[in-house]
Amino acid sequence: MQLARYEVVEKGKSWAVSHDGQADGEYATKEAAFEAAVAAASLAIKQGHEVSISVPSTAGD
């Protein structure tokens, strides 16, 4: 079983979802990027993959 890893990352003043070393998408909020990562992860689960999603904390936490 392969691991599908999704990471929410900052991309300038916006957010993106990194998967397989490529940061895709441009989301106004970290939460919107997380929702996109969850949608992608859901498909990966249906395909039989193990899934990992990571989201950074807010600076100063």
PDB file of N, CA and C in Angstrom:
ATOM      1  N   MET A   1       0.853  -1.180   0.000  1.00  0.00           N
ATOM      2  CA  MET A   1       0.000   0.000   0.000  1.00  0.00           C
ATOM      3  C   MET A   1       0.897   1.240   0.000  1.00  0.00           C
ATOM      4  N   GLN A   2       0.614   2.169  -0.869  1.00  0.00           N
ATOM      5  CA  GLN A   2       1.384   3.399  -0.956  1.00  0.00           C
ATOM      6  C   GLN A   2       0.826   4.452  -0.007  1.00  0.00           C
ATOM      7  N   LEU A   3       1.717   5.342   0.400  1.00  0.00           N
ATOM      8  CA  LEU A   3       1.316   6.458   1.254  1.00  0.00           C
ATOM      9  C   LEU A   3       1.095   7.687   0.378  1.00  0.00           C
ATOM     10  N   ALA A   4      -0.092   8.258   0.448  1.00  0.00           N
ATOM     11  CA  ALA A   4      -0.391   9.525  -0.230  1.00  0.00           C
ATOM     12  C   ALA A   4      -0.279  10.620   0.821  1.00  0.00           C
ATOM     13  N   ARG A   5       0.709  11.466   0.674  1.00  0.00           N
ATOM     14  CA  ARG A   5       0.979  12.513   1.663  1.00  0.00           C
ATOM     15  C   ARG A   5       0.590  13.878   1.093  1.00  0.00           C
ATOM     16  N   TYR A   6      -0.230  14.599   1.835  1.00  0.00           N
ATOM     17  CA  TYR A   6      -0.681  15.931   1.440  1.00  0.00           C
ATOM     18  C   TYR A   6      -0.254  16.910   2.523  1.00  0.00           C
ATOM     19  N   GLU A   7       0.358  18.020   2.099  1.00  0.00           N
ATOM     20  CA  GLU A   7       0.806  19.037   3.049  1.00  0.00           C
ATOM     21  C   GLU A   7       0.252  20.400   2.634  1.00  0.00           C
ATOM     22  N   VAL A   8      -0.388  21.081   3.561  1.00  0.00           N
ATOM     23  CA  VAL A   8      -0.831  22.449   3.316  1.00  0.00           C
ATOM     24  C   VAL A   8       0.383  23.339   3.537  1.00  0.00           C
ATOM     25  N   VAL A   9       0.715  24.147   2.515  1.00  0.00           N
ATOM     26  CA  VAL A   9       1.919  24.984   2.577  1.00  0.00           C
ATOM     27  C   VAL A   9       1.591  26.422   2.186  1.00  0.00           C
ATOM     28  N   GLU A  10       2.359  27.348   2.741  1.00  0.00           N
ATOM     29  CA  GLU A  10       2.216  28.748   2.346  1.00  0.00           C
ATOM     30  C   GLU A  10       2.812  28.936   0.970  1.00  0.00           C
ATOM     31  N   LYS A  11       2.142  29.753   0.161  1.00  0.00           N
ATOM     32  CA  LYS A  11       2.612  30.046  -1.197  1.00  0.00           C
ATOM     33  C   LYS A  11       2.446  31.545  -1.393  1.00  0.00           C
ATOM     34  N   GLY A  12       3.456  32.288  -0.976  1.00  0.00           N
ATOM     35  CA  GLY A  12       3.344  33.750  -0.982  1.00  0.00           C
ATOM     36  C   GLY A  12       2.341  34.184   0.074  1.00  0.00           C
ATOM     37  N   LYS A  13       1.305  34.898  -0.351  1.00  0.00           N
ATOM     38  CA  LYS A  13       0.264  35.340   0.591  1.00  0.00           C
ATOM     39  C   LYS A  13      -0.934  34.406   0.569  1.00  0.00           C
ATOM     40  N   SER A  14      -0.816  33.301  -0.136  1.00  0.00           N
ATOM     41  CA  SER A  14      -1.913  32.334  -0.202  1.00  0.00           C
ATOM     42  C   SER A  14      -1.421  30.973   0.284  1.00  0.00           C
ATOM     43  N   TRP A  15      -2.237  29.957   0.063  1.00  0.00           N
ATOM     44  CA  TRP A  15      -1.938  28.606   0.518  1.00  0.00           C
ATOM     45  C   TRP A  15      -2.081  27.635  -0.640  1.00  0.00           C
ATOM     46  N   ALA A  16      -1.370  26.505  -0.553  1.00  0.00           N
ATOM     47  CA  ALA A  16      -1.426  25.474  -1.588  1.00  0.00           C
ATOM     48  C   ALA A  16      -1.384  24.113  -0.909  1.00  0.00           C
ATOM     49  N   VAL A  17      -1.612  23.076  -1.707  1.00  0.00           N
ATOM     50  CA  VAL A  17      -1.514  21.706  -1.224  1.00  0.00           C
ATOM     51  C   VAL A  17      -0.355  21.042  -1.959  1.00  0.00           C
ATOM     52  N   SER A  18       0.622  20.576  -1.213  1.00  0.00           N
ATOM     53  CA  SER A  18       1.767  19.897  -1.788  1.00  0.00           C
ATOM     54  C   SER A  18       1.516  18.395  -1.784  1.00  0.00           C
ATOM     55  N   HIS A  19       1.737  17.783  -2.939  1.00  0.00           N
ATOM     56  CA  HIS A  19       1.600  16.328  -3.092  1.00  0.00           C
ATOM     57  C   HIS A  19       2.626  15.893  -4.122  1.00  0.00           C
ATOM     58  N   ASP A  20       3.402  14.878  -3.793  1.00  0.00           N
ATOM     59  CA  ASP A  20       4.463  14.395  -4.688  1.00  0.00           C
ATOM     60  C   ASP A  20       5.452  15.502  -5.048  1.00  0.00           C
ATOM     61  N   GLY A  21       5.743  16.381  -4.085  1.00  0.00           N
ATOM     62  CA  GLY A  21       6.736  17.427  -4.298  1.00  0.00           C
ATOM     63  C   GLY A  21       6.261  18.615  -5.109  1.00  0.00           C
ATOM     64  N   GLN A  22       4.991  18.646  -5.482  1.00  0.00           N
ATOM     65  CA  GLN A  22       4.446  19.735  -6.281  1.00  0.00           C
ATOM     66  C   GLN A  22       3.365  20.455  -5.487  1.00  0.00           C
ATOM     67  N   ALA A  23       3.515  21.766  -5.315  1.00  0.00           N
ATOM     68  CA  ALA A  23       2.506  22.565  -4.610  1.00  0.00           C
ATOM     69  C   ALA A  23       1.495  23.067  -5.629  1.00  0.00           C
ATOM     70  N   ASP A  24       0.268  22.550  -5.545  1.00  0.00           N
ATOM     71  CA  ASP A  24      -0.773  22.902  -6.502  1.00  0.00           C
ATOM     72  C   ASP A  24      -1.875  23.720  -5.837  1.00  0.00           C
ATOM     73  N   GLY A  25      -2.557  24.502  -6.660  1.00  0.00           N
ATOM     74  CA  GLY A  25      -3.691  25.276  -6.182  1.00  0.00           C
ATOM     75  C   GLY A  25      -3.245  26.581  -5.553  1.00  0.00           C
ATOM     76  N   GLU A  26      -4.203  27.465  -5.423  1.00  0.00           N
ATOM     77  CA  GLU A  26      -3.973  28.734  -4.737  1.00  0.00           C
ATOM     78  C   GLU A  26      -5.242  29.047  -3.961  1.00  0.00           C
ATOM     79  N   TYR A  27      -5.136  28.972  -2.648  1.00  0.00           N
ATOM     80  CA  TYR A  27      -6.293  29.129  -1.771  1.00  0.00           C
ATOM     81  C   TYR A  27      -6.091  30.336  -0.879  1.00  0.00           C
ATOM     82  N   ALA A  28      -7.154  31.084  -0.655  1.00  0.00           N
ATOM     83  CA  ALA A  28      -7.075  32.314   0.137  1.00  0.00           C
ATOM     84  C   ALA A  28      -6.803  32.033   1.607  1.00  0.00           C
ATOM     85  N   THR A  29      -7.268  30.885   2.097  1.00  0.00           N
ATOM     86  CA  THR A  29      -7.079  30.568   3.514  1.00  0.00           C
ATOM     87  C   THR A  29      -6.480  29.174   3.682  1.00  0.00           C
ATOM     88  N   LYS A  30      -5.876  28.979   4.819  1.00  0.00           N
ATOM     89  CA  LYS A  30      -5.328  27.667   5.159  1.00  0.00           C
ATOM     90  C   LYS A  30      -6.450  26.633   5.239  1.00  0.00           C
ATOM     91  N   GLU A  31      -7.602  27.061   5.730  1.00  0.00           N
ATOM     92  CA  GLU A  31      -8.743  26.154   5.864  1.00  0.00           C
ATOM     93  C   GLU A  31      -9.241  25.677   4.504  1.00  0.00           C
ATOM     94  N   ALA A  32      -9.261  26.569   3.524  1.00  0.00           N
ATOM     95  CA  ALA A  32      -9.685  26.189   2.173  1.00  0.00           C
ATOM     96  C   ALA A  32      -8.700  25.190   1.559  1.00  0.00           C
ATOM     97  N   ALA A  33      -7.421  25.390   1.797  1.00  0.00           N
ATOM     98  CA  ALA A  33      -6.417  24.445   1.306  1.00  0.00           C
ATOM     99  C   ALA A  33      -6.581  23.093   1.992  1.00  0.00           C
ATOM    100  N   PHE A  34      -6.886  23.100   3.275  1.00  0.00           N
ATOM    101  CA  PHE A  34      -7.121  21.857   4.007  1.00  0.00           C
ATOM    102  C   PHE A  34      -8.306  21.099   3.407  1.00  0.00           C
ATOM    103  N   GLU A  35      -9.386  21.805   3.110  1.00  0.00           N
ATOM    104  CA  GLU A  35     -10.560  21.155   2.521  1.00  0.00           C
ATOM    105  C   GLU A  35     -10.221  20.524   1.173  1.00  0.00           C
ATOM    106  N   ALA A  36      -9.373  21.189   0.383  1.00  0.00           N
ATOM    107  CA  ALA A  36      -8.939  20.622  -0.893  1.00  0.00           C
ATOM    108  C   ALA A  36      -8.090  19.377  -0.664  1.00  0.00           C
ATOM    109  N   ALA A  37      -7.233  19.411   0.350  1.00  0.00           N
ATOM    110  CA  ALA A  37      -6.399  18.244   0.672  1.00  0.00           C
ATOM    111  C   ALA A  37      -7.266  17.068   1.103  1.00  0.00           C
ATOM    112  N   VAL A  38      -8.294  17.330   1.881  1.00  0.00           N
ATOM    113  CA  VAL A  38      -9.201  16.273   2.338  1.00  0.00           C
ATOM    114  C   VAL A  38      -9.919  15.652   1.147  1.00  0.00           C
ATOM    115  N   ALA A  39     -10.356  16.461   0.203  1.00  0.00           N
ATOM    116  CA  ALA A  39     -11.034  15.928  -0.985  1.00  0.00           C
ATOM    117  C   ALA A  39     -10.094  15.018  -1.780  1.00  0.00           C
ATOM    118  N   ALA A  40      -8.855  15.443  -1.950  1.00  0.00           N
ATOM    119  CA  ALA A  40      -7.882  14.622  -2.666  1.00  0.00           C
ATOM    120  C   ALA A  40      -7.573  13.346  -1.888  1.00  0.00           C
ATOM    121  N   ALA A  41      -7.452  13.471  -0.572  1.00  0.00           N
ATOM    122  CA  ALA A  41      -7.160  12.311   0.269  1.00  0.00           C
ATOM    123  C   ALA A  41      -8.301  11.300   0.235  1.00  0.00           C
ATOM    124  N   SER A  42      -9.520  11.775   0.146  1.00  0.00           N
ATOM    125  CA  SER A  42     -10.675  10.889   0.073  1.00  0.00           C
ATOM    126  C   SER A  42     -10.592   9.999  -1.163  1.00  0.00           C
ATOM    127  N   LEU A  43     -10.204  10.574  -2.272  1.00  0.00           N
ATOM    128  CA  LEU A  43     -10.040   9.796  -3.496  1.00  0.00           C
ATOM    129  C   LEU A  43      -8.912   8.771  -3.335  1.00  0.00           C
ATOM    130  N   ALA A  44      -7.813   9.186  -2.712  1.00  0.00           N
ATOM    131  CA  ALA A  44      -6.692   8.272  -2.494  1.00  0.00           C
ATOM    132  C   ALA A  44      -7.109   7.092  -1.613  1.00  0.00           C
ATOM    133  N   ILE A  45      -7.930   7.354  -0.613  1.00  0.00           N
ATOM    134  CA  ILE A  45      -8.423   6.278   0.257  1.00  0.00           C
ATOM    135  C   ILE A  45      -9.257   5.293  -0.558  1.00  0.00           C
ATOM    136  N   LYS A  46     -10.117   5.816  -1.418  1.00  0.00           N
ATOM    137  CA  LYS A  46     -10.937   4.946  -2.261  1.00  0.00           C
ATOM    138  C   LYS A  46     -10.086   4.076  -3.173  1.00  0.00           C
ATOM    139  N   GLN A  47      -8.889   4.578  -3.526  1.00  0.00           N
ATOM    140  CA  GLN A  47      -7.974   3.827  -4.379  1.00  0.00           C
ATOM    141  C   GLN A  47      -7.109   2.863  -3.573  1.00  0.00           C
ATOM    142  N   GLY A  48      -7.304   2.832  -2.251  1.00  0.00           N
ATOM    143  CA  GLY A  48      -6.599   1.887  -1.400  1.00  0.00           C
ATOM    144  C   GLY A  48      -5.302   2.371  -0.780  1.00  0.00           C
ATOM    145  N   HIS A  49      -5.029   3.666  -0.855  1.00  0.00           N
ATOM    146  CA  HIS A  49      -3.779   4.200  -0.308  1.00  0.00           C
ATOM    147  C   HIS A  49      -3.912   4.554   1.168  1.00  0.00           C
ATOM    148  N   GLU A  50      -2.803   4.484   1.861  1.00  0.00           N
ATOM    149  CA  GLU A  50      -2.702   5.071   3.197  1.00  0.00           C
ATOM    150  C   GLU A  50      -2.569   6.577   2.984  1.00  0.00           C
ATOM    151  N   VAL A  51      -3.122   7.393   3.886  1.00  0.00           N
ATOM    152  CA  VAL A  51      -3.149   8.844   3.690  1.00  0.00           C
ATOM    153  C   VAL A  51      -2.597   9.573   4.907  1.00  0.00           C
ATOM    154  N   SER A  52      -1.855  10.645   4.633  1.00  0.00           N
ATOM    155  CA  SER A  52      -1.354  11.534   5.672  1.00  0.00           C
ATOM    156  C   SER A  52      -1.598  12.967   5.206  1.00  0.00           C
ATOM    157  N   ILE A  53      -2.190  13.780   6.101  1.00  0.00           N
ATOM    158  CA  ILE A  53      -2.411  15.198   5.814  1.00  0.00           C
ATOM    159  C   ILE A  53      -1.748  16.003   6.928  1.00  0.00           C
ATOM    160  N   SER A  54      -0.953  16.996   6.563  1.00  0.00           N
ATOM    161  CA  SER A  54      -0.364  17.851   7.588  1.00  0.00           C
ATOM    162  C   SER A  54      -0.667  19.315   7.285  1.00  0.00           C
ATOM    163  N   VAL A  55      -0.911  20.050   8.364  1.00  0.00           N
ATOM    164  CA  VAL A  55      -1.239  21.470   8.281  1.00  0.00           C
ATOM    165  C   VAL A  55      -0.391  22.180   9.345  1.00  0.00           C
ATOM    166  N   PRO A  56       0.346  23.224   8.944  1.00  0.00           N
ATOM    167  CA  PRO A  56       1.181  23.921   9.933  1.00  0.00           C
ATOM    168  C   PRO A  56       0.334  24.728  10.913  1.00  0.00           C
ATOM    169  N   SER A  57       0.879  24.906  12.087  1.00  0.00           N
ATOM    170  CA  SER A  57       0.199  25.766  13.061  1.00  0.00           C
ATOM    171  C   SER A  57       0.346  27.221  12.635  1.00  0.00           C
ATOM    172  N   THR A  58      -0.445  28.085  13.232  1.00  0.00           N
ATOM    173  CA  THR A  58      -0.326  29.507  12.977  1.00  0.00           C
ATOM    174  C   THR A  58       0.926  30.023  13.670  1.00  0.00           C
ATOM    175  N   ALA A  59       1.638  30.920  13.026  1.00  0.00           N
ATOM    176  CA  ALA A  59       2.843  31.478  13.630  1.00  0.00           C
ATOM    177  C   ALA A  59       2.536  32.047  15.003  1.00  0.00           C
ATOM    178  N   GLY A  60       3.377  31.734  15.964  1.00  0.00           N
ATOM    179  CA  GLY A  60       3.178  32.235  17.306  1.00  0.00           C
ATOM    180  C   GLY A  60       2.418  31.285  18.217  1.00  0.00           C
ATOM    181  N   ASP A  61       1.947  30.171  17.660  1.00  0.00           N
ATOM    182  CA  ASP A  61       1.225  29.173  18.493  1.00  0.00           C
ATOM    183  C   ASP A  61       2.209  28.413  19.356  1.00  0.00           C
TER     184      ASP A  61
END
